[in-house]
C-alpha atoms as a PDB file:
ATOM      1  CA  MET A   1      70.443  71.680 101.002  1.00  0.00           C
ATOM      2  CA  LEU A   2      74.086  71.786 102.760  1.00  0.00           C
ATOM      3  CA  ALA A   3      74.946  68.469 101.552  1.00  0.00           C
ATOM      4  CA  HIS A   4      74.135  69.700  98.124  1.00  0.00           C
ATOM      5  CA  LEU A   5      75.983  73.015  98.489  1.00  0.00           C
ATOM      6  CA  TYR A   6      78.918  71.250  99.505  1.00  0.00           C
ATOM      7  CA  ALA A   7      78.902  68.749  96.397  1.00  0.00           C
ATOM      8  CA  ILE A   8      78.743  71.630  94.072  1.00  0.00           C
ATOM      9  CA  LEU A   9      81.166  73.903  95.641  1.00  0.00           C
ATOM     10  CA  ILE A  10      83.473  71.745  97.419  1.00  0.00           C
ATOM     11  CA  VAL A  11      83.750  68.407  96.001  1.00  0.00           C
ATOM     12  CA  PRO A  12      84.928  69.826  92.606  1.00  0.00           C
ATOM     13  CA  PHE A  13      88.078  71.462  94.687  1.00  0.00           C
ATOM     14  CA  ALA A  14      88.201  68.311  97.191  1.00  0.00           C
ATOM     15  CA  GLU A  15      88.633  65.313  95.034  1.00  0.00           C
ATOM     16  CA  ASN A  16      90.402  66.728  91.847  1.00  0.00           C
ATOM     17  CA  PRO A  17      94.237  68.178  91.920  1.00  0.00           C
ATOM     18  CA  PHE A  18      94.182  69.792  88.893  1.00  0.00           C
ATOM     19  CA  MET A  19      91.244  71.764  89.877  1.00  0.00           C
ATOM     20  CA  ARG A  20      93.060  72.677  93.276  1.00  0.00           C
ATOM     21  CA  ARG A  21      96.014  73.778  91.050  1.00  0.00           C
ATOM     22  CA  ALA A  22      94.261  75.608  88.720  1.00  0.00           C
ATOM     23  CA  LEU A  23      92.414  77.405  91.983  1.00  0.00           C
ATOM     24  CA  ALA A  24      95.593  78.248  93.328  1.00  0.00           C
ATOM     25  CA  GLY A  25      97.347  79.813  90.273  1.00  0.00           C
ATOM     26  CA  ALA A  26      93.912  81.609  89.589  1.00  0.00           C
ATOM     27  CA  LEU A  27      93.865  83.407  92.707  1.00  0.00           C
ATOM     28  CA  ALA A  28      97.563  84.159  92.772  1.00  0.00           C
ATOM     29  CA  LEU A  29      96.475  86.332  89.270  1.00  0.00           C
ATOM     30  CA  SER A  30      93.795  87.390  91.335  1.00  0.00           C
ATOM     31  CA  VAL A  31      95.296  88.953  93.742  1.00  0.00           C
ATOM     32  CA  ALA A  32      98.377  90.747  91.439  1.00  0.00           C
ATOM     33  CA  SER A  33      96.295  91.400  88.766  1.00  0.00           C
ATOM     34  CA  PRO A  34      93.488  93.789  89.481  1.00  0.00           C
ATOM     35  CA  PRO A  35      96.206  96.652  91.524  1.00  0.00           C
ATOM     36  CA  LEU A  36      97.797  96.806  88.136  1.00  0.00           C
ATOM     37  CA  GLY A  37      94.400  97.117  86.105  1.00  0.00           C
ATOM     38  CA  ILE A  38      93.717 100.062  88.819  1.00  0.00           C
ATOM     39  CA  LEU A  39      96.506 101.906  88.166  1.00  0.00           C
ATOM     40  CA  LEU A  40      96.329 101.703  84.493  1.00  0.00           C
ATOM     41  CA  THR A  41      92.300 103.269  84.503  1.00  0.00           C
ATOM     42  CA  LEU A  42      93.660 106.004  86.523  1.00  0.00           C
ATOM     43  CA  ARG A  43      96.127 106.798  83.870  1.00  0.00           C
ATOM     44  CA  ARG A  44      93.525 106.432  81.407  1.00  0.00           C
ATOM     45  CA  MET A  45      95.202 103.460  79.433  1.00  0.00           C
ATOM     46  CA  SER A  46      92.633 100.701  80.019  1.00  0.00           C
ATOM     47  CA  LEU A  47      93.073  99.716  76.416  1.00  0.00           C
ATOM     48  CA  PHE A  48      96.588  99.577  76.805  1.00  0.00           C
ATOM     49  CA  GLY A  49      96.837  96.178  79.052  1.00  0.00           C
ATOM     50  CA  ASP A  50      94.256  94.844  75.933  1.00  0.00           C
ATOM     51  CA  ALA A  51      97.017  95.670  73.383  1.00  0.00           C
ATOM     52  CA  LEU A  52     100.224  94.410  75.595  1.00  0.00           C
ATOM     53  CA  SER A  53      98.415  90.896  75.732  1.00  0.00           C
ATOM     54  CA  HIS A  54      98.502  90.400  72.106  1.00  0.00           C
ATOM     55  CA  ALA A  55     101.773  91.954  71.667  1.00  0.00           C
ATOM     56  CA  VAL A  56     103.370  89.363  73.592  1.00  0.00           C
ATOM     57  CA  LEU A  57     102.095  86.433  71.242  1.00  0.00           C
ATOM     58  CA  PRO A  58     105.399  86.728  68.879  1.00  0.00           C
ATOM     59  CA  GLY A  59     107.298  85.894  71.696  1.00  0.00           C
ATOM     60  CA  VAL A  60     105.375  83.314  72.520  1.00  0.00           C
ATOM     61  CA  ALA A  61     104.983  82.026  69.199  1.00  0.00           C
ATOM     62  CA  VAL A  62     108.717  81.978  69.091  1.00  0.00           C
ATOM     63  CA  GLY A  63     109.133  79.820  72.266  1.00  0.00           C
ATOM     64  CA  PHE A  64     107.202  77.170  71.075  1.00  0.00           C
ATOM     65  CA  LEU A  65     108.619  76.776  67.989  1.00  0.00           C
ATOM     66  CA  LEU A  66     111.630  76.281  69.262  1.00  0.00           C
ATOM     67  CA  CYS A  67     111.125  74.465  72.541  1.00  0.00           C
ATOM     68  CA  GLY A  68     107.515  73.350  71.652  1.00  0.00           C
ATOM     69  CA  LEU A  69     104.822  73.743  74.883  1.00  0.00           C
ATOM     70  CA  SER A  70     107.620  74.899  77.247  1.00  0.00           C
ATOM     71  CA  LEU A  71     106.618  77.340  79.539  1.00  0.00           C
ATOM     72  CA  PRO A  72     109.687  78.669  80.255  1.00  0.00           C
ATOM     73  CA  ALA A  73     110.640  79.173  77.038  1.00  0.00           C
ATOM     74  CA  MET A  74     107.137  80.821  75.921  1.00  0.00           C
ATOM     75  CA  SER A  75     107.316  83.130  79.114  1.00  0.00           C
ATOM     76  CA  ILE A  76     110.680  84.400  78.301  1.00  0.00           C
ATOM     77  CA  GLY A  77     109.418  84.978  74.575  1.00  0.00           C
ATOM     78  CA  GLY A  78     106.438  86.501  75.833  1.00  0.00           C
ATOM     79  CA  LEU A  79     108.209  88.740  78.158  1.00  0.00           C
ATOM     80  CA  VAL A  80     110.686  89.739  75.410  1.00  0.00           C
ATOM     81  CA  ALA A  81     108.006  90.567  72.521  1.00  0.00           C
ATOM     82  CA  GLY A  82     105.780  92.885  74.809  1.00  0.00           C
ATOM     83  CA  MET A  83     108.688  95.067  76.310  1.00  0.00           C
ATOM     84  CA  LEU A  84     109.897  95.242  72.565  1.00  0.00           C
ATOM     85  CA  VAL A  85     106.698  96.395  71.697  1.00  0.00           C
ATOM     86  CA  VAL A  86     106.388  98.699  74.176  1.00  0.00           C
ATOM     87  CA  ALA A  87     109.582 100.463  73.268  1.00  0.00           C
ATOM     88  CA  LEU A  88     109.047 100.508  69.823  1.00  0.00           C
ATOM     89  CA  ALA A  89     105.658 101.946  70.354  1.00  0.00           C
ATOM     90  CA  GLY A  90     107.674 104.896  72.057  1.00  0.00           C
ATOM     91  CA  TRP A  91     110.353 105.338  69.752  1.00  0.00           C
ATOM     92  CA  ILE A  92     108.134 105.902  66.799  1.00  0.00           C
ATOM     93  CA  SER A  93     105.800 108.255  69.000  1.00  0.00           C
ATOM     94  CA  ARG A  94     108.890 110.289  69.844  1.00  0.00           C
ATOM     95  CA  ARG A  95     110.503 110.571  65.948  1.00  0.00           C
ATOM     96  CA  THR A  96     107.049 110.969  64.267  1.00  0.00           C
ATOM     97  CA  GLN A  97     104.169 113.144  64.607  1.00  0.00           C
ATOM     98  CA  LEU A  98     101.931 109.936  65.813  1.00  0.00           C
ATOM     99  CA  ARG A  99     100.958 109.576  69.649  1.00  0.00           C
ATOM    100  CA  GLU A 100     101.623 106.967  71.551  1.00  0.00           C
ATOM    101  CA  ASP A 101      98.272 105.269  71.633  1.00  0.00           C
ATOM    102  CA  ALA A 102      98.215 105.277  67.828  1.00  0.00           C
ATOM    103  CA  SER A 103     101.829 103.921  67.230  1.00  0.00           C
ATOM    104  CA  LEU A 104     100.896 100.941  70.120  1.00  0.00           C
ATOM    105  CA  ALA A 105      97.596 100.378  68.009  1.00  0.00           C
ATOM    106  CA  ALA A 106      99.431  99.296  64.786  1.00  0.00           C
ATOM    107  CA  THR A 107     102.328  97.826  66.930  1.00  0.00           C
ATOM    108  CA  TYR A 108     100.345  95.230  68.622  1.00  0.00           C
ATOM    109  CA  LEU A 109      97.764  94.541  65.339  1.00  0.00           C
ATOM    110  CA  VAL A 110     101.100  93.878  63.663  1.00  0.00           C
ATOM    111  CA  ALA A 111     102.466  91.773  66.506  1.00  0.00           C
ATOM    112  CA  LEU A 112      99.274  89.684  66.933  1.00  0.00           C
ATOM    113  CA  ALA A 113      99.029  88.919  63.587  1.00  0.00           C
ATOM    114  CA  LEU A 114     102.707  87.393  63.383  1.00  0.00           C
ATOM    115  CA  GLY A 115     102.335  85.541  66.193  1.00  0.00           C
ATOM    116  CA  VAL A 116      99.241  83.760  64.751  1.00  0.00           C
ATOM    117  CA  MET A 117     101.052  83.280  61.398  1.00  0.00           C
ATOM    118  CA  LEU A 118     104.089  81.744  63.216  1.00  0.00           C
ATOM    119  CA  ILE A 119     102.262  79.292  65.105  1.00  0.00           C
ATOM    120  CA  SER A 120      99.759  78.304  62.051  1.00  0.00           C
ATOM    121  CA  ALA A 121     102.734  77.606  60.167  1.00  0.00           C
ATOM    122  CA  GLN A 122     104.256  75.377  62.583  1.00  0.00           C
ATOM    123  CA  GLY A 123     102.050  73.428  64.923  1.00  0.00           C
ATOM    124  CA  THR A 124      98.578  72.227  65.206  1.00  0.00           C
ATOM    125  CA  GLN A 125      95.180  73.836  65.475  1.00  0.00           C
ATOM    126  CA  VAL A 126      94.950  72.720  69.064  1.00  0.00           C
ATOM    127  CA  ASP A 127      98.121  74.204  69.937  1.00  0.00           C
ATOM    128  CA  LEU A 128      97.060  77.669  68.409  1.00  0.00           C
ATOM    129  CA  LEU A 129      93.904  77.581  70.596  1.00  0.00           C
ATOM    130  CA  HIS A 130      95.692  76.645  74.064  1.00  0.00           C
ATOM    131  CA  ILE A 131      98.200  79.737  73.560  1.00  0.00           C
ATOM    132  CA  LEU A 132      95.037  82.081  72.277  1.00  0.00           C
ATOM    133  CA  PHE A 133      92.928  81.080  75.265  1.00  0.00           C
ATOM    134  CA  GLY A 134      94.839  78.887  77.751  1.00  0.00           C
ATOM    135  CA  ASN A 135      93.707  76.471  80.237  1.00  0.00           C
ATOM    136  CA  VAL A 136      93.899  76.632  83.253  1.00  0.00           C
ATOM    137  CA  LEU A 137      92.743  73.264  84.417  1.00  0.00           C
ATOM    138  CA  ALA A 138      95.801  71.759  82.779  1.00  0.00           C
ATOM    139  CA  VAL A 139      98.477  74.437  84.613  1.00  0.00           C
ATOM    140  CA  ASP A 140     100.724  71.718  86.125  1.00  0.00           C
ATOM    141  CA  GLN A 141     103.411  72.472  89.198  1.00  0.00           C
ATOM    142  CA  ASP A 142     105.835  73.961  86.963  1.00  0.00           C
ATOM    143  CA  GLY A 143     103.418  76.384  85.796  1.00  0.00           C
ATOM    144  CA  LEU A 144     101.809  77.158  89.505  1.00  0.00           C
ATOM    145  CA  LEU A 145     105.303  77.972  90.572  1.00  0.00           C
ATOM    146  CA  LEU A 146     105.869  80.583  87.863  1.00  0.00           C
ATOM    147  CA  ILE A 147     102.519  82.049  88.857  1.00  0.00           C
ATOM    148  CA  ALA A 148     103.247  82.632  91.948  1.00  0.00           C
ATOM    149  CA  GLY A 149     106.463  83.627  91.607  1.00  0.00           C
ATOM    150  CA  ILE A 150     105.655  86.332  89.313  1.00  0.00           C
ATOM    151  CA  ALA A 151     102.810  87.198  91.511  1.00  0.00           C
ATOM    152  CA  THR A 152     104.965  87.626  94.363  1.00  0.00           C
ATOM    153  CA  LEU A 153     107.145  89.948  92.372  1.00  0.00           C
ATOM    154  CA  ILE A 154     104.484  92.141  91.252  1.00  0.00           C
ATOM    155  CA  LEU A 155     103.011  93.012  95.017  1.00  0.00           C
ATOM    156  CA  VAL A 156     107.029  93.242  95.976  1.00  0.00           C
ATOM    157  CA  LEU A 157     107.521  95.732  93.320  1.00  0.00           C
ATOM    158  CA  LEU A 158     103.919  97.673  93.673  1.00  0.00           C
ATOM    159  CA  ALA A 159     104.875  97.750  97.643  1.00  0.00           C
ATOM    160  CA  THR A 160     108.416  99.107  96.796  1.00  0.00           C
ATOM    161  CA  LEU A 161     107.620 101.786  94.335  1.00  0.00           C
ATOM    162  CA  TYR A 162     103.804 102.439  95.520  1.00  0.00           C
ATOM    163  CA  ARG A 163     104.590 106.272  96.517  1.00  0.00           C
ATOM    164  CA  GLY A 164     106.923 107.076  93.388  1.00  0.00           C
ATOM    165  CA  LEU A 165     103.660 105.364  90.973  1.00  0.00           C
ATOM    166  CA  LEU A 166     100.961 106.961  92.599  1.00  0.00           C
ATOM    167  CA  LEU A 167     102.997 110.549  91.810  1.00  0.00           C
ATOM    168  CA  GLU A 168     103.898 109.570  88.624  1.00  0.00           C
ATOM    169  CA  THR A 169     100.238 109.063  88.014  1.00  0.00           C
ATOM    170  CA  PHE A 170      98.386 112.132  89.606  1.00  0.00           C
ATOM    171  CA  ASP A 171     101.493 114.820  89.592  1.00  0.00           C
ATOM    172  CA  PRO A 172     104.556 113.981  87.143  1.00  0.00           C
ATOM    173  CA  LEU A 173     105.261 117.508  87.128  1.00  0.00           C
ATOM    174  CA  PHE A 174     105.538 117.264  91.391  1.00  0.00           C
ATOM    175  CA  LEU A 175     107.712 113.964  90.738  1.00  0.00           C
ATOM    176  CA  ALA A 176     109.949 115.849  88.687  1.00  0.00           C
ATOM    177  CA  ALA A 177     110.344 118.953  90.868  1.00  0.00           C
ATOM    178  CA  CYS A 178     111.720 116.653  93.585  1.00  0.00           C
ATOM    179  CA  GLY A 179     113.910 114.836  91.249  1.00  0.00           C
ATOM    180  CA  GLY A 180     112.393 111.421  90.849  1.00  0.00           C
ATOM    181  CA  ARG A 181     112.819 109.973  87.615  1.00  0.00           C
ATOM    182  CA  GLY A 182     109.248 109.708  86.350  1.00  0.00           C
ATOM    183  CA  TRP A 183     110.317 107.363  83.219  1.00  0.00           C
ATOM    184  CA  LEU A 184     111.800 104.974  85.751  1.00  0.00           C
ATOM    185  CA  TYR A 185     108.682 104.233  87.645  1.00  0.00           C
ATOM    186  CA  GLN A 186     107.010 104.355  83.848  1.00  0.00           C
ATOM    187  CA  GLN A 187     108.962 101.511  82.745  1.00  0.00           C
ATOM    188  CA  ALA A 188     108.950  99.588  85.995  1.00  0.00           C
ATOM    189  CA  PHE A 189     104.987  99.864  85.646  1.00  0.00           C
ATOM    190  CA  LEU A 190     104.899  98.739  82.318  1.00  0.00           C
ATOM    191  CA  LEU A 191     107.315  95.773  83.375  1.00  0.00           C
ATOM    192  CA  MET A 192     105.235  94.448  85.776  1.00  0.00           C
ATOM    193  CA  VAL A 193     102.170  94.630  83.340  1.00  0.00           C
ATOM    194  CA  VAL A 194     103.972  92.852  80.836  1.00  0.00           C
ATOM    195  CA  LEU A 195     105.053  90.349  83.630  1.00  0.00           C
ATOM    196  CA  ASN A 196     101.521  89.609  84.856  1.00  0.00           C
ATOM    197  CA  LEU A 197     100.269  88.942  81.209  1.00  0.00           C
ATOM    198  CA  VAL A 198     102.890  86.574  80.855  1.00  0.00           C
ATOM    199  CA  ALA A 199     101.852  84.909  84.290  1.00  0.00           C
ATOM    200  CA  ALA A 200      98.309  84.920  82.676  1.00  0.00           C
ATOM    201  CA  PHE A 201      98.513  83.546  79.278  1.00  0.00           C
ATOM    202  CA  GLN A 202      99.024  80.069  80.049  1.00  0.00           C
ATOM    203  CA  THR A 203      95.780  79.827  82.101  1.00  0.00           C
ATOM    204  CA  LEU A 204      93.421  82.606  79.949  1.00  0.00           C
ATOM    205  CA  GLY A 205      95.358  82.839  76.779  1.00  0.00           C
ATOM    206  CA  THR A 206      97.209  85.200  75.423  1.00  0.00           C
ATOM    207  CA  LEU A 207      93.422  86.985  73.931  1.00  0.00           C
ATOM    208  CA  MET A 208      91.647  87.016  77.484  1.00  0.00           C
ATOM    209  CA  ALA A 209      95.014  87.392  79.878  1.00  0.00           C
ATOM    210  CA  VAL A 210      93.935  90.573  80.271  1.00  0.00           C
ATOM    211  CA  GLY A 211      90.699  90.248  81.892  1.00  0.00           C
ATOM    212  CA  LEU A 212      91.216  89.557  85.320  1.00  0.00           C
ATOM    213  CA  MET A 213      93.541  92.575  85.109  1.00  0.00           C
ATOM    214  CA  MET A 214      90.997  95.280  83.574  1.00  0.00           C
ATOM    215  CA  ILE A 215      87.480  93.834  84.441  1.00  0.00           C
ATOM    216  CA  PRO A 216      87.421  93.837  88.253  1.00  0.00           C
ATOM    217  CA  ALA A 217      89.705  96.719  88.557  1.00  0.00           C
ATOM    218  CA  VAL A 218      86.958  98.496  86.462  1.00  0.00           C
ATOM    219  CA  ALA A 219      84.253  97.161  88.717  1.00  0.00           C
ATOM    220  CA  ALA A 220      85.795  98.097  91.599  1.00  0.00           C
ATOM    221  CA  ARG A 221      86.116 101.682  91.314  1.00  0.00           C
ATOM    222  CA  LEU A 222      82.129 101.896  90.841  1.00  0.00           C
ATOM    223  CA  TRP A 223      82.798 101.084  94.944  1.00  0.00           C
ATOM    224  CA  SER A 224      84.706 103.286  96.411  1.00  0.00           C
ATOM    225  CA  GLU A 225      86.618 106.310  94.933  1.00  0.00           C
ATOM    226  CA  ARG A 226      89.695 105.792  98.054  1.00  0.00           C
ATOM    227  CA  LEU A 227      92.459 104.068  96.282  1.00  0.00           C
ATOM    228  CA  GLY A 228      93.128 101.419  98.843  1.00  0.00           C
ATOM    229  CA  VAL A 229      89.665 100.117  99.236  1.00  0.00           C
ATOM    230  CA  GLN A 230      89.294 100.153  95.737  1.00  0.00           C
ATOM    231  CA  PHE A 231      92.361  97.415  95.551  1.00  0.00           C
ATOM    232  CA  MET A 232      91.077  95.426  98.093  1.00  0.00           C
ATOM    233  CA  VAL A 233      87.591  95.231  96.199  1.00  0.00           C
ATOM    234  CA  GLY A 234      89.167  94.556  92.944  1.00  0.00           C
ATOM    235  CA  VAL A 235      90.989  91.662  94.517  1.00  0.00           C
ATOM    236  CA  ALA A 236      88.044  90.558  96.303  1.00  0.00           C
ATOM    237  CA  LEU A 237      85.753  90.580  92.598  1.00  0.00           C
ATOM    238  CA  ALA A 238      88.257  88.653  90.887  1.00  0.00           C
ATOM    239  CA  VAL A 239      88.703  86.287  93.283  1.00  0.00           C
ATOM    240  CA  LEU A 240      84.904  85.608  93.082  1.00  0.00           C
ATOM    241  CA  ALA A 241      85.264  85.456  89.169  1.00  0.00           C
ATOM    242  CA  SER A 242      88.093  83.169  89.598  1.00  0.00           C
ATOM    243  CA  VAL A 243      85.987  80.437  91.671  1.00  0.00           C
ATOM    244  CA  ALA A 244      82.946  80.695  90.416  1.00  0.00           C
ATOM    245  CA  GLY A 245      84.505  80.459  86.311  1.00  0.00           C
ATOM    246  CA  LEU A 246      86.624  77.322  87.639  1.00  0.00           C
ATOM    247  CA  LEU A 247      83.252  75.809  89.179  1.00  0.00           C
ATOM    248  CA  LEU A 248      81.292  76.695  85.665  1.00  0.00           C
ATOM    249  CA  SER A 249      83.807  74.991  83.945  1.00  0.00           C
ATOM    250  CA  TYR A 250      83.877  72.065  85.991  1.00  0.00           C
ATOM    251  CA  HIS A 251      80.043  71.282  85.917  1.00  0.00           C
ATOM    252  CA  PHE A 252      79.136  72.376  82.450  1.00  0.00           C
ATOM    253  CA  ASP A 253      82.075  71.254  81.029  1.00  0.00           C
ATOM    254  CA  LEU A 254      82.746  74.739  79.024  1.00  0.00           C
ATOM    255  CA  SER A 255      86.452  75.956  78.500  1.00  0.00           C
ATOM    256  CA  SER A 256      87.820  77.157  81.832  1.00  0.00           C
ATOM    257  CA  GLY A 257      89.371  80.642  80.856  1.00  0.00           C
ATOM    258  CA  PRO A 258      86.766  82.005  78.902  1.00  0.00           C
ATOM    259  CA  ALA A 259      84.327  81.046  82.116  1.00  0.00           C
ATOM    260  CA  ILE A 260      86.182  82.922  84.556  1.00  0.00           C
ATOM    261  CA  ILE A 261      86.460  86.082  82.061  1.00  0.00           C
ATOM    262  CA  VAL A 262      82.473  85.740  81.773  1.00  0.00           C
ATOM    263  CA  SER A 263      82.166  85.242  85.705  1.00  0.00           C
ATOM    264  CA  ALA A 264      84.135  88.903  85.718  1.00  0.00           C
ATOM    265  CA  GLY A 265      81.920  89.915  83.529  1.00  0.00           C
ATOM    266  CA  ALA A 266      78.770  89.041  85.463  1.00  0.00           C
ATOM    267  CA  VAL A 267      80.150  90.844  88.270  1.00  0.00           C
ATOM    268  CA  TYR A 268      81.103  93.659  86.473  1.00  0.00           C
ATOM    269  CA  GLY A 269      77.526  93.887  85.494  1.00  0.00           C
ATOM    270  CA  ALA A 270      76.117  93.756  89.090  1.00  0.00           C
ATOM    271  CA  SER A 271      78.457  96.305  90.010  1.00  0.00           C
ATOM    272  CA  VAL A 272      77.008  98.318  87.284  1.00  0.00           C
ATOM    273  CA  LEU A 273      73.618  98.011  89.378  1.00  0.00           C
ATOM    274  CA  VAL A 274      74.267  97.975  92.518  1.00  0.00           C
ATOM    275  CA  ALA A 275      77.452  99.974  93.765  1.00  0.00           C
ATOM    276  CA  PRO A 276      77.788 103.102  95.080  1.00  0.00           C
ATOM    277  CA  GLY A 277      78.852 104.581  91.924  1.00  0.00           C
ATOM    278  CA  GLY A 278      76.465 102.583  90.091  1.00  0.00           C
ATOM    279  CA  TRP A 279      73.208 103.251  87.868  1.00  0.00           C
ATOM    280  CA  LEU A 280      70.459 102.183  90.248  1.00  0.00           C
ATOM    281  CA  ARG A 281      72.268 104.963  93.238  1.00  0.00           C
ATOM    282  CA  GLN A 282      72.784 107.218  90.352  1.00  0.00           C
ATOM    283  CA  LEU A 283      68.481 107.000  89.495  1.00  0.00           C
ATOM    284  CA  MET A 284      68.066 107.114  93.156  1.00  0.00           C
ATOM    285  CA  GLN A 285      70.066 110.419  93.801  1.00  0.00           C
ATOM    286  CA  ARG A 286      68.566 111.815  90.487  1.00  0.00           C
ATOM    287  CA  PRO A 287      64.628 111.742  91.237  1.00  0.00           C
ATOM    288  CA  HIS A 288      63.696 113.539  87.815  1.00  0.00           C
ATOM    289  CA  LEU A 289      65.515 110.431  85.634  1.00  0.00           C
ATOM    290  CA  ARG A 290      63.561 107.969  87.184  1.00  0.00           C
ATOM    291  CA  GLY A 291      61.002 108.857  84.563  1.00  0.00           C
END
């Protein structure tokens, strides 16, 4: 029995360097992504990350057209495109009657279509699929260093700006009264979100880069109301989903990115059922609903 479990759980990582690199990259994302997702949900911006993950595509496409499948070029292009889309959506909302979510929805859809059009015009279908859905098993040493570097930067920024980010999230008026610059914290937070998406796109693709950010974060909120506990639970759930997804992709010859996100969905489904804030606990506390 133990030998069988060892062959299933350990051998894929022990015998394959590409699996070890994939695991290291996925774990780096799992540590940095859920705290950002939790802050997004607290700000009621859960769909904002999904919009931004699509918004980076034109920049990734331009980097691809200029330098091919060059990770630094596509990453820089994605970062610039993501920040431009955020700035454009904010500018439209300030100068028209549209709310920021509406202007962002229109802007990111145009950006997504433009990115797909650019890649389709100059690249192959394989290039398009690689950029849209990623391939964590193809992460090389340079890619791993980029992911780890961005994840470390995000954690350092979160630790440095933590108090200001919380005040800007829960009580922006108090922050302004204390002389704090709420817009500065907001822009720093959005920069961290875009950086995270840039790091995740090569492993999960631009369409699912937001998956490790939001799904464990939403699930973590079912386990505790304390923010610090939510951060730890979110990271733990993301790590579990990453390891499970990589093993599924290895043993069943599945696409690695979607396998990780489906595993995260399974973790979320289990949390909906058995977590303290989930369905079963709520059912037990409300006997009149059992029928």
